[in-house]
Amino acid sequence: MKNALKRATKKKSFKDLSGGQKLRVAVTAAVQIALQTAALRDLKKRPGALINGPKPAWFAASFLNFIGPAAYFLFGRKR
């Protein structure tokens, strides 16, 4: 019973993943980096008057996986 529990809770390392799983991790990471880069670039160029809330808060929020950059693009910019 203990061995089964250990196997069920053991974390896989990247080298233990299949080729398809590695591809999904790489694509997900690339999308996250692209979203965050776009959000940070927009924050840098956009004047504070055109942003809902303080710039430093949106900067920090952009580091939350997917949620932060998406929230910035949906709610952080004034139209």
Protein backbone atom coordinates (compact mmCIF):
# COMPACT_ATOMS: atom_id res chain seq x y z
CA MET A 1 0.00 0.00 0.00
CA LYS A 2 2.80 2.45 0.84
CA ASN A 3 4.58 1.77 -2.46
CA ALA A 4 1.40 2.46 -4.42
CA LEU A 5 0.93 5.72 -2.56
CA LYS A 6 4.54 6.76 -3.21
CA ARG A 7 4.16 6.04 -6.94
CA ALA A 8 0.91 8.00 -7.09
CA THR A 9 2.38 11.07 -5.40
CA LYS A 10 5.84 11.06 -7.03
CA LYS A 11 6.34 14.08 -9.26
CA LYS A 12 7.52 13.49 -12.80
CA SER A 13 10.57 15.32 -14.01
CA PHE A 14 10.69 16.83 -17.50
CA LYS A 15 12.77 13.93 -18.80
CA ASP A 16 10.05 11.47 -17.70
CA LEU A 17 7.41 13.11 -19.91
CA SER A 18 6.44 11.77 -23.30
CA GLY A 19 7.24 13.71 -26.46
CA GLY A 20 3.69 15.07 -26.71
CA GLN A 21 3.70 16.18 -23.09
CA LYS A 22 7.05 17.94 -23.54
CA LEU A 23 5.64 19.72 -26.58
CA ARG A 24 2.57 20.87 -24.62
CA VAL A 25 4.77 22.21 -21.82
CA ALA A 26 6.96 24.08 -24.33
CA VAL A 27 3.98 25.57 -26.19
CA THR A 28 2.29 26.60 -22.92
CA ALA A 29 5.51 28.25 -21.73
CA ALA A 30 5.92 30.08 -25.05
CA VAL A 31 2.35 31.40 -24.91
CA GLN A 32 2.82 32.55 -21.31
CA ILE A 33 6.06 34.34 -22.15
CA ALA A 34 4.50 35.99 -25.21
CA LEU A 35 1.47 37.20 -23.21
CA GLN A 36 3.62 38.57 -20.42
CA THR A 37 6.04 40.25 -22.82
CA ALA A 38 3.16 41.91 -24.67
CA ALA A 39 1.59 43.08 -21.40
CA LEU A 40 4.86 44.48 -20.06
CA ARG A 41 5.65 46.22 -23.35
CA ASP A 42 2.18 47.76 -23.46
CA LEU A 43 2.47 48.87 -19.83
CA LYS A 44 5.79 50.56 -20.54
CA LYS A 45 4.53 52.46 -23.58
CA ARG A 46 1.02 53.36 -22.38
CA PRO A 47 0.63 56.55 -20.30
CA GLY A 48 -0.67 56.08 -16.76
CA ALA A 49 -3.82 58.06 -17.60
CA LEU A 50 -4.84 55.30 -20.00
CA ILE A 51 -4.52 52.49 -17.45
CA ASN A 52 -7.15 51.46 -14.90
CA GLY A 53 -5.29 51.42 -11.61
CA PRO A 54 -1.62 51.85 -10.76
CA LYS A 55 1.02 50.68 -13.24
CA PRO A 56 3.10 48.87 -10.56
CA ALA A 57 0.10 46.74 -9.60
CA TRP A 58 -0.45 45.68 -13.22
CA PHE A 59 3.27 45.05 -13.57
CA ALA A 60 3.16 42.66 -10.60
CA ALA A 61 -0.06 41.06 -11.83
CA SER A 62 1.52 40.30 -15.19
CA PHE A 63 3.68 37.68 -13.47
CA LEU A 64 0.62 35.57 -12.59
CA ASN A 65 0.44 32.77 -15.13
CA PHE A 66 -1.98 33.62 -17.93
CA ILE A 67 -4.40 35.31 -15.52
CA GLY A 68 -2.34 38.46 -14.97
CA PRO A 69 -1.60 39.38 -18.59
CA ALA A 70 -5.10 38.40 -19.70
CA ALA A 71 -6.64 40.50 -16.91
CA TYR A 72 -4.49 43.45 -17.92
CA PHE A 73 -5.62 43.27 -21.55
CA LEU A 74 -9.28 42.80 -20.53
CA PHE A 75 -9.57 45.20 -17.58
CA GLY A 76 -6.35 47.19 -17.18
CA ARG A 77 -6.46 49.37 -20.26
CA LYS A 78 -8.90 52.22 -20.74
CA ARG A 79 -10.65 52.34 -24.07
